[in-house]
Protein backbone atom coordinates (compact mmCIF):
# COMPACT_ATOMS: atom_id res chain seq x y z
CA MET A 1 0.00 0.00 0.00
CA ARG A 2 1.33 3.43 -0.82
CA ILE A 3 1.96 5.97 1.89
CA GLY A 4 -0.25 8.56 0.18
CA ALA A 5 -3.24 6.17 0.21
CA MET A 6 -2.63 5.39 3.89
CA LEU A 7 -2.48 9.06 4.81
CA GLY A 8 -5.78 9.62 2.99
CA ASP A 9 -7.39 6.78 4.97
CA ILE A 10 -6.00 8.09 8.24
CA SER A 11 -7.20 11.63 7.63
CA ARG A 12 -10.72 10.41 6.73
CA SER A 13 -10.85 8.19 9.85
CA LEU A 14 -9.95 11.05 12.15
CA PHE A 15 -13.20 12.88 11.42
CA LYS A 16 -15.64 9.91 11.41
CA ARG A 17 -17.58 8.57 14.36
CA PRO A 18 -16.38 5.20 15.66
CA VAL A 19 -18.24 2.17 14.34
CA THR A 20 -17.90 0.21 17.58
CA GLU A 21 -21.16 -0.26 19.50
CA ARG A 22 -21.32 0.17 23.25
CA TYR A 23 -23.06 -3.20 23.61
CA PRO A 24 -24.09 -3.68 27.20
CA PHE A 25 -25.16 -0.06 27.50
CA GLU A 26 -26.78 0.41 24.09
CA ARG A 27 -28.64 -2.61 22.77
CA ARG A 28 -30.07 -3.08 19.33
CA PRO A 29 -33.35 -4.93 18.92
CA THR A 30 -32.89 -8.61 18.19
CA PRO A 31 -34.22 -10.15 14.99
CA GLY A 32 -37.64 -11.76 15.30
CA ARG A 33 -36.41 -15.15 14.06
CA LEU A 34 -33.48 -15.41 16.47
CA ARG A 35 -33.42 -18.76 18.29
CA GLY A 36 -32.94 -17.97 21.94
CA LEU A 37 -34.07 -19.65 25.12
CA VAL A 38 -36.79 -22.29 24.87
CA THR A 39 -40.15 -21.25 26.32
CA PHE A 40 -42.66 -23.72 27.76
CA ASP A 41 -46.43 -23.34 28.11
CA PRO A 42 -47.50 -25.99 30.66
CA ALA A 43 -51.21 -25.39 29.97
CA ARG A 44 -50.80 -26.75 26.43
CA CYS A 45 -48.52 -29.69 27.27
CA THR A 46 -50.12 -33.14 27.16
CA GLY A 47 -47.08 -35.12 28.28
CA CYS A 48 -46.57 -37.00 25.00
CA LYS A 49 -42.77 -36.49 25.26
CA ILE A 50 -42.25 -36.15 21.51
CA CYS A 51 -40.04 -33.13 22.23
CA VAL A 52 -37.85 -35.28 24.48
CA ARG A 53 -37.48 -38.01 21.85
CA ASP A 54 -36.77 -35.61 18.99
CA CYS A 55 -34.13 -33.47 20.75
CA PRO A 56 -30.79 -34.47 19.19
CA ALA A 57 -28.79 -32.98 22.08
CA ARG A 58 -30.90 -34.58 24.87
CA ALA A 59 -31.40 -31.10 26.32
CA VAL A 60 -35.11 -31.53 27.16
CA GLU A 61 -36.57 -33.65 29.97
CA LEU A 62 -40.24 -33.77 30.89
CA LEU A 63 -40.92 -34.42 34.57
CA VAL A 64 -44.36 -35.61 35.61
CA VAL A 65 -45.90 -33.95 38.64
CA ASP A 66 -49.39 -35.42 38.17
CA LYS A 67 -50.33 -37.29 35.00
CA ALA A 68 -54.08 -37.33 35.76
CA THR A 69 -54.36 -33.54 35.92
CA LYS A 70 -51.72 -33.01 33.18
CA ARG A 71 -49.21 -31.23 35.38
CA PHE A 72 -45.70 -31.32 33.93
CA VAL A 73 -42.42 -29.51 34.48
CA MET A 74 -39.79 -29.30 31.76
CA ARG A 75 -36.11 -29.45 32.68
CA PHE A 76 -34.15 -27.66 29.98
CA HIS A 77 -30.36 -27.93 29.81
CA THR A 78 -29.14 -24.78 28.09
CA ASP A 79 -25.55 -26.01 28.04
CA ARG A 80 -26.50 -29.08 25.97
CA CYS A 81 -28.92 -27.34 23.61
CA THR A 82 -27.80 -26.61 20.04
CA TYR A 83 -30.79 -24.28 19.49
CA CYS A 84 -31.90 -26.20 16.42
CA ALA A 85 -35.61 -25.80 17.37
CA GLN A 86 -36.39 -29.44 16.59
CA CYS A 87 -38.34 -29.73 19.85
CA VAL A 88 -40.44 -26.70 18.88
CA VAL A 89 -41.16 -28.09 15.41
CA SER A 90 -42.11 -31.54 16.69
CA CYS A 91 -44.48 -30.30 19.43
CA ASN A 92 -48.00 -30.79 18.06
CA PHE A 93 -49.66 -28.69 20.76
CA ASP A 94 -47.53 -25.51 20.54
CA ALA A 95 -46.34 -25.93 24.12
CA LEU A 96 -42.76 -25.02 23.16
CA GLY A 97 -41.35 -21.93 21.51
CA MET A 98 -38.07 -20.09 21.04
CA SER A 99 -37.71 -16.65 22.59
CA HIS A 100 -35.94 -14.00 20.54
CA GLU A 101 -35.67 -11.74 23.59
CA GLN A 102 -33.81 -14.08 25.96
CA TRP A 103 -30.56 -14.94 24.25
CA GLU A 104 -27.85 -13.79 26.67
CA LEU A 105 -27.22 -17.08 28.43
CA ALA A 106 -23.62 -16.84 29.66
CA ALA A 107 -22.86 -17.76 33.27
CA LEU A 108 -19.85 -18.31 35.51
CA SER A 109 -20.98 -21.62 37.01
CA ARG A 110 -22.86 -24.65 35.74
CA GLU A 111 -25.92 -24.39 38.03
CA PRO A 112 -27.95 -21.85 36.01
CA PHE A 113 -27.82 -24.04 32.90
CA ALA A 114 -30.45 -26.53 34.11
CA LEU A 115 -33.75 -24.64 34.06
CA LEU A 116 -37.06 -25.91 35.42
CA LEU A 117 -39.90 -24.48 33.35
CA GLY A 118 -43.56 -24.80 34.30
CA ARG A 119 -46.13 -23.50 36.74
CA PRO A 120 -44.47 -22.10 39.87
CA GLU A 121 -46.47 -24.37 42.18
CA ASP A 122 -45.48 -27.45 40.13
CA VAL A 123 -41.81 -26.49 40.19
CA GLU A 124 -42.04 -25.95 43.95
CA ALA A 125 -43.74 -29.33 44.42
CA LEU A 126 -40.99 -30.96 42.41
CA LEU A 127 -38.17 -29.25 44.33
CA ASN A 128 -39.73 -29.73 47.78
CA PRO A 129 -41.75 -32.94 47.80
CA PRO A 130 -44.08 -33.34 50.76
CA SER A 131 -42.58 -35.39 53.54
CA PRO A 132 -44.29 -38.69 54.16
CA VAL A 133 -46.66 -38.64 57.08
CA PRO A 134 -45.63 -41.26 59.60
CA SER A 135 -48.34 -43.80 60.09
CA PRO A 136 -49.24 -44.79 63.62
CA VAL A 137 -47.33 -47.93 64.44
CA ALA A 138 -48.55 -50.24 67.11
CA THR A 139 -45.92 -50.59 69.80
CA PRO A 140 -45.57 -54.08 71.16
CA THR A 141 -46.49 -54.36 74.77
CA VAL A 142 -44.52 -56.60 77.07
CA SER A 143 -46.54 -58.40 79.65
CA PRO A 144 -44.95 -58.87 83.07
CA ALA A 145 -43.99 -62.46 83.66
C-alpha cells in the first residue's frame, strides 16, 4: 500500500464517528427469528414427550408432577442445547417456543444451565416434595412375667 493512500485513509478516519457499538449499554433490537431460550407453556402440554425423543442434544426432559391432571415440568439444559428448534417443530400442541428476547445465556458456574420451566407451584412441588406422614405404628407391649 502506498503511503499517500494510507495518509488519505488516516485523515478520513480522524473525522468519522467510531463504528464500535457500546453493547451492554446500548442494545439493538434482536431479529424476530433469532433462536434464543426455549419457552414452555405448561397449559398446552399433554405429556406425550415427543419433544424429548426428537431433541438431538438430549437437552429436554419432561418431569411428571401429576399425569391425571396433566401437570408437567420441563427441565431444559441450556448447556446441551444446540438451538436447532427441533423440539419446537415436533411439538404438536404448541407448548414449546423459542424466545428471541432471551438470548444472553452466559454464566460463571454450571448451576444456572439446568432450568425448570412450568407453573411455579409445580416447580415448587418438584423441588420440595411433601414429607411422608408417619403412620401410627402399634408398639408391642410386654406383659410382666
